[in-house]
PDB file of all heavy atoms in Angstrom:
ATOM      1  N   MET A   1     116.788  83.971  56.893  1.00  0.00           N
ATOM      2  CA  MET A   1     115.362  84.111  57.147  1.00  0.00           C
ATOM      3  C   MET A   1     114.612  84.481  55.867  1.00  0.00           C
ATOM      4  O   MET A   1     113.514  83.950  55.602  1.00  0.00           O
ATOM      5  CB  MET A   1     115.116  85.170  58.230  1.00  0.00           C
ATOM      6  CG  MET A   1     113.643  85.346  58.595  1.00  0.00           C
ATOM      7  SD  MET A   1     113.363  86.435  60.019  1.00  0.00           S
ATOM      8  CE  MET A   1     113.884  88.015  59.337  1.00  0.00           C
ATOM      9  N   PHE A   2     115.181  85.370  55.054  1.00  0.00           N
ATOM     10  CA  PHE A   2     114.527  85.756  53.803  1.00  0.00           C
ATOM     11  C   PHE A   2     114.412  84.567  52.858  1.00  0.00           C
ATOM     12  O   PHE A   2     113.366  84.356  52.230  1.00  0.00           O
ATOM     13  CB  PHE A   2     115.311  86.889  53.138  1.00  0.00           C
ATOM     14  CG  PHE A   2     114.760  87.313  51.812  1.00  0.00           C
ATOM     15  CD1 PHE A   2     113.501  87.890  51.722  1.00  0.00           C
ATOM     16  CD2 PHE A   2     115.497  87.134  50.645  1.00  0.00           C
ATOM     17  CE1 PHE A   2     112.980  88.283  50.489  1.00  0.00           C
ATOM     18  CE2 PHE A   2     114.984  87.533  49.417  1.00  0.00           C
ATOM     19  CZ  PHE A   2     113.722  88.092  49.341  1.00  0.00           C
ATOM     20  N   VAL A   3     115.472  83.761  52.773  1.00  0.00           N
ATOM     21  CA  VAL A   3     115.431  82.571  51.913  1.00  0.00           C
ATOM     22  C   VAL A   3     114.367  81.601  52.399  1.00  0.00           C
ATOM     23  O   VAL A   3     113.652  80.976  51.597  1.00  0.00           O
ATOM     24  CB  VAL A   3     116.823  81.901  51.862  1.00  0.00           C
ATOM     25  CG1 VAL A   3     116.752  80.553  51.146  1.00  0.00           C
ATOM     26  CG2 VAL A   3     117.831  82.810  51.171  1.00  0.00           C
ATOM     27  N   MET A   4     114.214  81.469  53.712  1.00  0.00           N
ATOM     28  CA  MET A   4     113.187  80.576  54.253  1.00  0.00           C
ATOM     29  C   MET A   4     111.788  81.130  53.982  1.00  0.00           C
ATOM     30  O   MET A   4     110.845  80.359  53.757  1.00  0.00           O
ATOM     31  CB  MET A   4     113.409  80.352  55.748  1.00  0.00           C
ATOM     32  CG  MET A   4     114.714  79.634  56.053  1.00  0.00           C
ATOM     33  SD  MET A   4     114.808  78.985  57.733  1.00  0.00           S
ATOM     34  CE  MET A   4     113.697  77.575  57.598  1.00  0.00           C
ATOM     35  N   TYR A   5     111.644  82.437  53.991  1.00  0.00           N
ATOM     36  CA  TYR A   5     110.363  83.037  53.574  1.00  0.00           C
ATOM     37  C   TYR A   5     110.042  82.632  52.134  1.00  0.00           C
ATOM     38  O   TYR A   5     108.901  82.258  51.822  1.00  0.00           O
ATOM     39  CB  TYR A   5     110.425  84.556  53.664  1.00  0.00           C
ATOM     40  CG  TYR A   5     109.982  85.142  54.990  1.00  0.00           C
ATOM     41  CD1 TYR A   5     110.827  85.951  55.733  1.00  0.00           C
ATOM     42  CD2 TYR A   5     108.701  84.915  55.481  1.00  0.00           C
ATOM     43  CE1 TYR A   5     110.415  86.509  56.945  1.00  0.00           C
ATOM     44  CE2 TYR A   5     108.285  85.463  56.677  1.00  0.00           C
ATOM     45  CZ  TYR A   5     109.143  86.257  57.414  1.00  0.00           C
ATOM     46  OH  TYR A   5     108.731  86.798  58.598  1.00  0.00           O
ATOM     47  N   LEU A   6     111.044  82.701  51.259  1.00  0.00           N
ATOM     48  CA  LEU A   6     110.828  82.316  49.869  1.00  0.00           C
ATOM     49  C   LEU A   6     110.475  80.833  49.769  1.00  0.00           C
ATOM     50  O   LEU A   6     109.645  80.431  48.938  1.00  0.00           O
ATOM     51  CB  LEU A   6     112.080  82.622  49.035  1.00  0.00           C
ATOM     52  CG  LEU A   6     112.485  84.095  48.931  1.00  0.00           C
ATOM     53  CD1 LEU A   6     113.709  84.239  48.029  1.00  0.00           C
ATOM     54  CD2 LEU A   6     111.341  84.941  48.397  1.00  0.00           C
ATOM     55  N   GLY A   7     111.104  80.010  50.608  1.00  0.00           N
ATOM     56  CA  GLY A   7     110.775  78.595  50.628  1.00  0.00           C
ATOM     57  C   GLY A   7     109.334  78.344  51.036  1.00  0.00           C
ATOM     58  O   GLY A   7     108.650  77.483  50.468  1.00  0.00           O
ATOM     59  N   LEU A   8     108.853  79.105  52.014  1.00  0.00           N
ATOM     60  CA  LEU A   8     107.458  78.969  52.434  1.00  0.00           C
ATOM     61  C   LEU A   8     106.505  79.415  51.328  1.00  0.00           C
ATOM     62  O   LEU A   8     105.456  78.791  51.104  1.00  0.00           O
ATOM     63  CB  LEU A   8     107.209  79.789  53.698  1.00  0.00           C
ATOM     64  CG  LEU A   8     107.722  79.186  55.013  1.00  0.00           C
ATOM     65  CD1 LEU A   8     107.564  80.192  56.149  1.00  0.00           C
ATOM     66  CD2 LEU A   8     106.969  77.904  55.341  1.00  0.00           C
ATOM     67  N   LEU A   9     106.860  80.502  50.641  1.00  0.00           N
ATOM     68  CA  LEU A   9     106.025  80.948  49.516  1.00  0.00           C
ATOM     69  C   LEU A   9     105.921  79.855  48.455  1.00  0.00           C
ATOM     70  O   LEU A   9     104.833  79.575  47.935  1.00  0.00           O
ATOM     71  CB  LEU A   9     106.617  82.216  48.899  1.00  0.00           C
ATOM     72  CG  LEU A   9     106.352  83.538  49.623  1.00  0.00           C
ATOM     73  CD1 LEU A   9     107.162  84.655  48.980  1.00  0.00           C
ATOM     74  CD2 LEU A   9     104.872  83.884  49.597  1.00  0.00           C
ATOM     75  N   ALA A  10     107.062  79.218  48.148  1.00  0.00           N
ATOM     76  CA  ALA A  10     107.061  78.150  47.154  1.00  0.00           C
ATOM     77  C   ALA A  10     106.239  76.955  47.630  1.00  0.00           C
ATOM     78  O   ALA A  10     105.518  76.331  46.853  1.00  0.00           O
ATOM     79  CB  ALA A  10     108.497  77.723  46.849  1.00  0.00           C
ATOM     80  N   LEU A  11     106.354  76.640  48.924  1.00  0.00           N
ATOM     81  CA  LEU A  11     105.616  75.506  49.470  1.00  0.00           C
ATOM     82  C   LEU A  11     104.115  75.720  49.389  1.00  0.00           C
ATOM     83  O   LEU A  11     103.354  74.830  48.980  1.00  0.00           O
ATOM     84  CB  LEU A  11     106.041  75.277  50.921  1.00  0.00           C
ATOM     85  CG  LEU A  11     105.330  74.152  51.674  1.00  0.00           C
ATOM     86  CD1 LEU A  11     105.537  72.812  50.976  1.00  0.00           C
ATOM     87  CD2 LEU A  11     105.823  74.082  53.111  1.00  0.00           C
ATOM     88  N   TRP A  12     103.655  76.906  49.763  1.00  0.00           N
ATOM     89  CA  TRP A  12     102.225  77.194  49.714  1.00  0.00           C
ATOM     90  C   TRP A  12     101.703  77.152  48.283  1.00  0.00           C
ATOM     91  O   TRP A  12     100.542  76.777  48.045  1.00  0.00           O
ATOM     92  CB  TRP A  12     101.940  78.566  50.326  1.00  0.00           C
ATOM     93  CG  TRP A  12     101.839  78.563  51.821  1.00  0.00           C
ATOM     94  CD1 TRP A  12     102.736  79.087  52.705  1.00  0.00           C
ATOM     95  CD2 TRP A  12     100.779  78.010  52.604  1.00  0.00           C
ATOM     96  NE1 TRP A  12     102.301  78.898  53.995  1.00  0.00           N
ATOM     97  CE2 TRP A  12     101.096  78.242  53.963  1.00  0.00           C
ATOM     98  CE3 TRP A  12      99.598  77.354  52.294  1.00  0.00           C
ATOM     99  CZ2 TRP A  12     100.273  77.836  55.003  1.00  0.00           C
ATOM    100  CZ3 TRP A  12      98.763  76.941  53.329  1.00  0.00           C
ATOM    101  CH2 TRP A  12      99.111  77.183  54.672  1.00  0.00           C
ATOM    102  N   ARG A  13     102.529  77.521  47.302  1.00  0.00           N
ATOM    103  CA  ARG A  13     102.083  77.522  45.914  1.00  0.00           C
ATOM    104  C   ARG A  13     102.177  76.137  45.281  1.00  0.00           C
ATOM    105  O   ARG A  13     101.458  75.842  44.323  1.00  0.00           O
ATOM    106  CB  ARG A  13     102.915  78.520  45.086  1.00  0.00           C
ATOM    107  CG  ARG A  13     102.645  79.969  45.438  1.00  0.00           C
ATOM    108  CD  ARG A  13     103.477  80.908  44.583  1.00  0.00           C
ATOM    109  NE  ARG A  13     103.162  82.308  44.879  1.00  0.00           N
ATOM    110  CZ  ARG A  13     102.199  82.998  44.302  1.00  0.00           C
ATOM    111  NH1 ARG A  13     101.443  82.417  43.384  1.00  0.00           N
ATOM    112  NH2 ARG A  13     101.982  84.255  44.623  1.00  0.00           N
ATOM    113  N   THR A  14     103.057  75.292  45.811  1.00  0.00           N
ATOM    114  CA  THR A  14     103.268  73.975  45.217  1.00  0.00           C
ATOM    115  C   THR A  14     102.196  72.976  45.629  1.00  0.00           C
ATOM    116  O   THR A  14     101.685  72.213  44.799  1.00  0.00           O
ATOM    117  CB  THR A  14     104.657  73.430  45.605  1.00  0.00           C
ATOM    118  OG1 THR A  14     105.666  74.352  45.166  1.00  0.00           O
ATOM    119  CG2 THR A  14     104.896  72.070  44.973  1.00  0.00           C
ATOM    120  N   VAL A  15     101.847  72.956  46.919  1.00  0.00           N
ATOM    121  CA  VAL A  15     100.882  71.992  47.442  1.00  0.00           C
ATOM    122  C   VAL A  15      99.484  72.581  47.295  1.00  0.00           C
ATOM    123  O   VAL A  15      99.183  73.624  47.874  1.00  0.00           O
ATOM    124  CB  VAL A  15     101.183  71.652  48.914  1.00  0.00           C
ATOM    125  CG1 VAL A  15     100.191  70.613  49.437  1.00  0.00           C
ATOM    126  CG2 VAL A  15     102.606  71.140  49.058  1.00  0.00           C
ATOM    127  N   GLU A  16      98.639  71.901  46.551  1.00  0.00           N
ATOM    128  CA  GLU A  16      97.315  72.445  46.262  1.00  0.00           C
ATOM    129  C   GLU A  16      96.375  72.339  47.452  1.00  0.00           C
ATOM    130  O   GLU A  16      95.578  73.252  47.704  1.00  0.00           O
ATOM    131  CB  GLU A  16      96.702  71.713  45.059  1.00  0.00           C
ATOM    132  CG  GLU A  16      95.362  72.271  44.621  1.00  0.00           C
ATOM    133  CD  GLU A  16      94.834  71.583  43.391  1.00  0.00           C
ATOM    134  OE1 GLU A  16      95.580  70.775  42.791  1.00  0.00           O
ATOM    135  OE2 GLU A  16      93.674  71.862  43.010  1.00  0.00           O
ATOM    136  N   ASP A  17      96.444  71.240  48.193  1.00  0.00           N
ATOM    137  CA  ASP A  17      95.570  71.041  49.344  1.00  0.00           C
ATOM    138  C   ASP A  17      96.001  71.957  50.479  1.00  0.00           C
ATOM    139  O   ASP A  17      97.115  71.814  50.995  1.00  0.00           O
ATOM    140  CB  ASP A  17      95.632  69.579  49.803  1.00  0.00           C
ATOM    141  CG  ASP A  17      94.673  69.289  50.956  1.00  0.00           C
ATOM    142  OD1 ASP A  17      93.911  70.199  51.342  1.00  0.00           O
ATOM    143  OD2 ASP A  17      94.694  68.157  51.486  1.00  0.00           O
ATOM    144  N   PRO A  18      95.166  72.910  50.906  1.00  0.00           N
ATOM    145  CA  PRO A  18      95.599  73.863  51.943  1.00  0.00           C
ATOM    146  C   PRO A  18      95.886  73.203  53.286  1.00  0.00           C
ATOM    147  O   PRO A  18      96.710  73.699  54.051  1.00  0.00           O
ATOM    148  CB  PRO A  18      94.423  74.840  52.038  1.00  0.00           C
ATOM    149  CG  PRO A  18      93.267  74.123  51.455  1.00  0.00           C
ATOM    150  CD  PRO A  18      93.813  73.200  50.414  1.00  0.00           C
ATOM    151  N   ILE A  19      95.238  72.073  53.610  1.00  0.00           N
ATOM    152  CA  ILE A  19      95.482  71.408  54.885  1.00  0.00           C
ATOM    153  C   ILE A  19      96.877  70.787  54.899  1.00  0.00           C
ATOM    154  O   ILE A  19      97.651  70.964  55.855  1.00  0.00           O
ATOM    155  CB  ILE A  19      94.394  70.349  55.153  1.00  0.00           C
ATOM    156  CG1 ILE A  19      93.024  71.024  55.290  1.00  0.00           C
ATOM    157  CG2 ILE A  19      94.730  69.551  56.408  1.00  0.00           C
ATOM    158  CD1 ILE A  19      91.894  70.055  55.506  1.00  0.00           C
ATOM    159  N   ARG A  20      97.216  70.055  53.841  1.00  0.00           N
ATOM    160  CA  ARG A  20      98.548  69.459  53.748  1.00  0.00           C
ATOM    161  C   ARG A  20      99.619  70.546  53.688  1.00  0.00           C
ATOM    162  O   ARG A  20     100.663  70.449  54.341  1.00  0.00           O
ATOM    163  CB  ARG A  20      98.637  68.571  52.515  1.00  0.00           C
ATOM    164  CG  ARG A  20      97.853  67.266  52.605  1.00  0.00           C
ATOM    165  CD  ARG A  20      97.977  66.488  51.317  1.00  0.00           C
ATOM    166  NE  ARG A  20      99.358  66.332  50.921  1.00  0.00           N
ATOM    167  CZ  ARG A  20      99.785  66.310  49.653  1.00  0.00           C
ATOM    168  NH1 ARG A  20      98.908  66.479  48.663  1.00  0.00           N
ATOM    169  NH2 ARG A  20     101.059  66.150  49.381  1.00  0.00           N
ATOM    170  N   ALA A  21      99.359  71.594  52.905  1.00  0.00           N
ATOM    171  CA  ALA A  21     100.334  72.680  52.792  1.00  0.00           C
ATOM    172  C   ALA A  21     100.525  73.377  54.135  1.00  0.00           C
ATOM    173  O   ALA A  21     101.653  73.720  54.511  1.00  0.00           O
ATOM    174  CB  ALA A  21      99.868  73.686  51.747  1.00  0.00           C
ATOM    175  N   GLY A  22      99.428  73.547  54.883  1.00  0.00           N
ATOM    176  CA  GLY A  22      99.521  74.209  56.180  1.00  0.00           C
ATOM    177  C   GLY A  22     100.368  73.428  57.167  1.00  0.00           C
ATOM    178  O   GLY A  22     101.161  74.014  57.913  1.00  0.00           O
ATOM    179  N   ARG A  23     100.229  72.109  57.183  1.00  0.00           N
ATOM    180  CA  ARG A  23     101.013  71.296  58.114  1.00  0.00           C
ATOM    181  C   ARG A  23     102.493  71.294  57.729  1.00  0.00           C
ATOM    182  O   ARG A  23     103.362  71.405  58.607  1.00  0.00           O
ATOM    183  CB  ARG A  23     100.466  69.873  58.137  1.00  0.00           C
ATOM    184  CG  ARG A  23      99.084  69.770  58.783  1.00  0.00           C
ATOM    185  CD  ARG A  23      98.520  68.371  58.669  1.00  0.00           C
ATOM    186  NE  ARG A  23      97.188  68.292  59.274  1.00  0.00           N
ATOM    187  CZ  ARG A  23      96.402  67.238  59.197  1.00  0.00           C
ATOM    188  NH1 ARG A  23      96.805  66.155  58.534  1.00  0.00           N
ATOM    189  NH2 ARG A  23      95.209  67.260  59.776  1.00  0.00           N
ATOM    190  N   ALA A  24     102.773  71.163  56.440  1.00  0.00           N
ATOM    191  CA  ALA A  24     104.171  71.186  56.003  1.00  0.00           C
ATOM    192  C   ALA A  24     104.800  72.554  56.279  1.00  0.00           C
ATOM    193  O   ALA A  24     105.946  72.644  56.746  1.00  0.00           O
ATOM    194  CB  ALA A  24     104.252  70.847  54.513  1.00  0.00           C
ATOM    195  N   ALA A  25     104.047  73.615  56.010  1.00  0.00           N
ATOM    196  CA  ALA A  25     104.563  74.960  56.261  1.00  0.00           C
ATOM    197  C   ALA A  25     104.767  75.206  57.750  1.00  0.00           C
ATOM    198  O   ALA A  25     105.713  75.896  58.156  1.00  0.00           O
ATOM    199  CB  ALA A  25     103.608  76.002  55.692  1.00  0.00           C
ATOM    200  N   ALA A  26     103.903  74.633  58.591  1.00  0.00           N
ATOM    201  CA  ALA A  26     104.039  74.799  60.039  1.00  0.00           C
ATOM    202  C   ALA A  26     105.336  74.176  60.530  1.00  0.00           C
ATOM    203  O   ALA A  26     106.043  74.754  61.378  1.00  0.00           O
ATOM    204  CB  ALA A  26     102.840  74.177  60.745  1.00  0.00           C
ATOM    205  N   ILE A  27     105.682  73.001  60.006  1.00  0.00           N
ATOM    206  CA  ILE A  27     106.936  72.343  60.421  1.00  0.00           C
ATOM    207  C   ILE A  27     108.137  73.178  59.994  1.00  0.00           C
ATOM    208  O   ILE A  27     109.068  73.413  60.784  1.00  0.00           O
ATOM    209  CB  ILE A  27     107.004  70.930  59.824  1.00  0.00           C
ATOM    210  CG1 ILE A  27     105.890  70.059  60.406  1.00  0.00           C
ATOM    211  CG2 ILE A  27     108.369  70.298  60.088  1.00  0.00           C
ATOM    212  CD1 ILE A  27     105.761  68.693  59.759  1.00  0.00           C
ATOM    213  N   LEU A  28     108.131  73.651  58.748  1.00  0.00           N
ATOM    214  CA  LEU A  28     109.240  74.477  58.269  1.00  0.00           C
ATOM    215  C   LEU A  28     109.341  75.777  59.061  1.00  0.00           C
ATOM    216  O   LEU A  28     110.441  76.257  59.352  1.00  0.00           O
ATOM    217  CB  LEU A  28     109.051  74.772  56.780  1.00  0.00           C
ATOM    218  CG  LEU A  28     110.122  75.643  56.113  1.00  0.00           C
ATOM    219  CD1 LEU A  28     111.499  75.019  56.274  1.00  0.00           C
ATOM    220  CD2 LEU A  28     109.807  75.851  54.631  1.00  0.00           C
ATOM    221  N   THR A  29     108.199  76.342  59.432  1.00  0.00           N
ATOM    222  CA  THR A  29     108.203  77.583  60.209  1.00  0.00           C
ATOM    223  C   THR A  29     108.846  77.376  61.578  1.00  0.00           C
ATOM    224  O   THR A  29     109.646  78.209  62.033  1.00  0.00           O
ATOM    225  CB  THR A  29     106.767  78.100  60.378  1.00  0.00           C
ATOM    226  OG1 THR A  29     106.210  78.381  59.098  1.00  0.00           O
ATOM    227  CG2 THR A  29     106.744  79.374  61.213  1.00  0.00           C
ATOM    228  N   LEU A  30     108.503  76.274  62.244  1.00  0.00           N
ATOM    229  CA  LEU A  30     109.077  76.011  63.563  1.00  0.00           C
ATOM    230  C   LEU A  30     110.578  75.748  63.467  1.00  0.00           C
ATOM    231  O   LEU A  30     111.341  76.132  64.364  1.00  0.00           O
ATOM    232  CB  LEU A  30     108.368  74.822  64.212  1.00  0.00           C
ATOM    233  CG  LEU A  30     106.909  75.073  64.604  1.00  0.00           C
ATOM    234  CD1 LEU A  30     106.270  73.810  65.162  1.00  0.00           C
ATOM    235  CD2 LEU A  30     106.816  76.202  65.628  1.00  0.00           C
ATOM    236  N   VAL A  31     111.013  75.104  62.392  1.00  0.00           N
ATOM    237  CA  VAL A  31     112.454  74.922  62.191  1.00  0.00           C
ATOM    238  C   VAL A  31     113.133  76.276  62.000  1.00  0.00           C
ATOM    239  O   VAL A  31     114.189  76.560  62.578  1.00  0.00           O
ATOM    240  CB  VAL A  31     112.714  74.004  60.985  1.00  0.00           C
ATOM    241  CG1 VAL A  31     114.207  73.959  60.657  1.00  0.00           C
ATOM    242  CG2 VAL A  31     112.202  72.595  61.258  1.00  0.00           C
ATOM    243  N   GLY A  32     112.515  77.127  61.205  1.00  0.00           N
ATOM    244  CA  GLY A  32     113.082  78.457  60.959  1.00  0.00           C
ATOM    245  C   GLY A  32     113.087  79.350  62.177  1.00  0.00           C
ATOM    246  O   GLY A  32     113.879  80.291  62.264  1.00  0.00           O
ATOM    247  N   ALA A  33     112.203  79.059  63.148  1.00  0.00           N
ATOM    248  CA  ALA A  33     112.166  79.868  64.369  1.00  0.00           C
ATOM    249  C   ALA A  33     113.458  79.767  65.165  1.00  0.00           C
ATOM    250  O   ALA A  33     113.775  80.661  65.962  1.00  0.00           O
ATOM    251  CB  ALA A  33     110.983  79.443  65.240  1.00  0.00           C
ATOM    252  N   LEU A  34     114.220  78.704  64.945  1.00  0.00           N
ATOM    253  CA  LEU A  34     115.514  78.572  65.627  1.00  0.00           C
ATOM    254  C   LEU A  34     116.473  79.679  65.209  1.00  0.00           C
ATOM    255  O   LEU A  34     117.445  79.964  65.922  1.00  0.00           O
ATOM    256  CB  LEU A  34     116.126  77.204  65.316  1.00  0.00           C
ATOM    257  CG  LEU A  34     115.317  75.978  65.765  1.00  0.00           C
ATOM    258  CD1 LEU A  34     115.991  74.698  65.297  1.00  0.00           C
ATOM    259  CD2 LEU A  34     115.156  75.970  67.284  1.00  0.00           C
ATOM    260  N   ASN A  35     116.213  80.290  64.053  1.00  0.00           N
ATOM    261  CA  ASN A  35     117.086  81.364  63.566  1.00  0.00           C
ATOM    262  C   ASN A  35     116.822  82.690  64.260  1.00  0.00           C
ATOM    263  O   ASN A  35     117.674  83.585  64.238  1.00  0.00           O
ATOM    264  CB  ASN A  35     116.885  81.515  62.051  1.00  0.00           C
ATOM    265  CG  ASN A  35     117.890  82.450  61.414  1.00  0.00           C
ATOM    266  OD1 ASN A  35     119.075  82.444  61.763  1.00  0.00           O
ATOM    267  ND2 ASN A  35     117.435  83.262  60.484  1.00  0.00           N
ATOM    268  N   LEU A  36     115.648  82.855  64.880  1.00  0.00           N
ATOM    269  CA  LEU A  36     115.293  84.148  65.484  1.00  0.00           C
ATOM    270  C   LEU A  36     116.256  84.560  66.602  1.00  0.00           C
ATOM    271  O   LEU A  36     116.720  85.706  66.619  1.00  0.00           O
ATOM    272  CB  LEU A  36     113.850  84.112  65.992  1.00  0.00           C
ATOM    273  CG  LEU A  36     112.769  84.020  64.912  1.00  0.00           C
ATOM    274  CD1 LEU A  36     111.387  84.008  65.549  1.00  0.00           C
ATOM    275  CD2 LEU A  36     112.887  85.176  63.920  1.00  0.00           C
ATOM    276  N   PRO A  37     116.568  83.669  67.579  1.00  0.00           N
ATOM    277  CA  PRO A  37     117.545  84.093  68.596  1.00  0.00           C
ATOM    278  C   PRO A  37     118.929  84.345  68.020  1.00  0.00           C
ATOM    279  O   PRO A  37     119.684  85.163  68.559  1.00  0.00           O
ATOM    280  CB  PRO A  37     117.540  82.930  69.600  1.00  0.00           C
ATOM    281  CG  PRO A  37     116.963  81.772  68.859  1.00  0.00           C
ATOM    282  CD  PRO A  37     115.998  82.349  67.883  1.00  0.00           C
ATOM    283  N   ILE A  38     119.267  83.665  66.928  1.00  0.00           N
ATOM    284  CA  ILE A  38     120.568  83.915  66.294  1.00  0.00           C
ATOM    285  C   ILE A  38     120.599  85.330  65.729  1.00  0.00           C
ATOM    286  O   ILE A  38     121.591  86.054  65.881  1.00  0.00           O
ATOM    287  CB  ILE A  38     120.832  82.874  65.186  1.00  0.00           C
ATOM    288  CG1 ILE A  38     120.923  81.473  65.793  1.00  0.00           C
ATOM    289  CG2 ILE A  38     122.116  83.206  64.425  1.00  0.00           C
ATOM    290  CD1 ILE A  38     121.098  80.371  64.768  1.00  0.00           C
ATOM    291  N   ILE A  39     119.493  85.727  65.066  1.00  0.00           N
ATOM    292  CA  ILE A  39     119.432  87.093  64.539  1.00  0.00           C
ATOM    293  C   ILE A  39     119.534  88.112  65.680  1.00  0.00           C
ATOM    294  O   ILE A  39     120.291  89.082  65.596  1.00  0.00           O
ATOM    295  CB  ILE A  39     118.120  87.305  63.755  1.00  0.00           C
ATOM    296  CG1 ILE A  39     118.066  86.398  62.529  1.00  0.00           C
ATOM    297  CG2 ILE A  39     117.978  88.763  63.334  1.00  0.00           C
ATOM    298  CD1 ILE A  39     116.744  86.444  61.783  1.00  0.00           C
ATOM    299  N   LYS A  40     118.766  87.878  66.732  1.00  0.00           N
ATOM    300  CA  LYS A  40     118.706  88.841  67.836  1.00  0.00           C
ATOM    301  C   LYS A  40     120.045  88.980  68.547  1.00  0.00           C
ATOM    302  O   LYS A  40     120.500  90.103  68.824  1.00  0.00           O
ATOM    303  CB  LYS A  40     117.610  88.393  68.816  1.00  0.00           C
ATOM    304  CG  LYS A  40     117.580  89.165  70.120  1.00  0.00           C
ATOM    305  CD  LYS A  40     117.317  90.641  69.922  1.00  0.00           C
ATOM    306  CE  LYS A  40     117.280  91.384  71.251  1.00  0.00           C
ATOM    307  NZ  LYS A  40     117.175  92.851  71.047  1.00  0.00           N
ATOM    308  N   PHE A  41     120.696  87.870  68.865  1.00  0.00           N
ATOM    309  CA  PHE A  41     121.887  87.912  69.718  1.00  0.00           C
ATOM    310  C   PHE A  41     123.191  87.746  68.943  1.00  0.00           C
ATOM    311  O   PHE A  41     124.250  87.622  69.562  1.00  0.00           O
ATOM    312  CB  PHE A  41     121.790  86.821  70.795  1.00  0.00           C
ATOM    313  CG  PHE A  41     120.618  86.999  71.723  1.00  0.00           C
ATOM    314  CD1 PHE A  41     119.528  86.159  71.652  1.00  0.00           C
ATOM    315  CD2 PHE A  41     120.606  88.027  72.656  1.00  0.00           C
ATOM    316  CE1 PHE A  41     118.437  86.318  72.496  1.00  0.00           C
ATOM    317  CE2 PHE A  41     119.523  88.205  73.509  1.00  0.00           C
ATOM    318  CZ  PHE A  41     118.438  87.343  73.424  1.00  0.00           C
ATOM    319  N   SER A  42     123.125  87.753  67.618  1.00  0.00           N
ATOM    320  CA  SER A  42     124.349  87.562  66.833  1.00  0.00           C
ATOM    321  C   SER A  42     125.379  88.646  67.111  1.00  0.00           C
ATOM    322  O   SER A  42     126.588  88.380  67.116  1.00  0.00           O
ATOM    323  CB  SER A  42     124.009  87.527  65.332  1.00  0.00           C
ATOM    324  OG  SER A  42     123.330  88.720  64.955  1.00  0.00           O
ATOM    325  N   VAL A  43     124.910  89.867  67.352  1.00  0.00           N
ATOM    326  CA  VAL A  43     125.857  90.967  67.605  1.00  0.00           C
ATOM    327  C   VAL A  43     126.505  90.837  68.978  1.00  0.00           C
ATOM    328  O   VAL A  43     127.530  91.484  69.243  1.00  0.00           O
ATOM    329  CB  VAL A  43     125.148  92.331  67.486  1.00  0.00           C
ATOM    330  CG1 VAL A  43     124.730  92.581  66.047  1.00  0.00           C
ATOM    331  CG2 VAL A  43     123.938  92.398  68.415  1.00  0.00           C
ATOM    332  N   ASP A  44     125.923  90.026  69.862  1.00  0.00           N
ATOM    333  CA  ASP A  44     126.505  89.800  71.183  1.00  0.00           C
ATOM    334  C   ASP A  44     127.375  88.547  71.206  1.00  0.00           C
ATOM    335  O   ASP A  44     128.347  88.481  71.965  1.00  0.00           O
ATOM    336  CB  ASP A  44     125.394  89.660  72.237  1.00  0.00           C
ATOM    337  CG  ASP A  44     124.508  90.890  72.308  1.00  0.00           C
ATOM    338  OD1 ASP A  44     125.051  92.009  72.258  1.00  0.00           O
ATOM    339  OD2 ASP A  44     123.269  90.736  72.404  1.00  0.00           O
TER     340      ASP A  44
END
């Protein structure tokens, strides 16, 4: 998750147009959301 945060930071800084950057970041964010249940239930 931390590495994906860094990826999002890089994406927002790389793409100058905020609309294009927002859409690309939104897709990456939704992909990264799959990791949330893994973090929560990994100990189970």
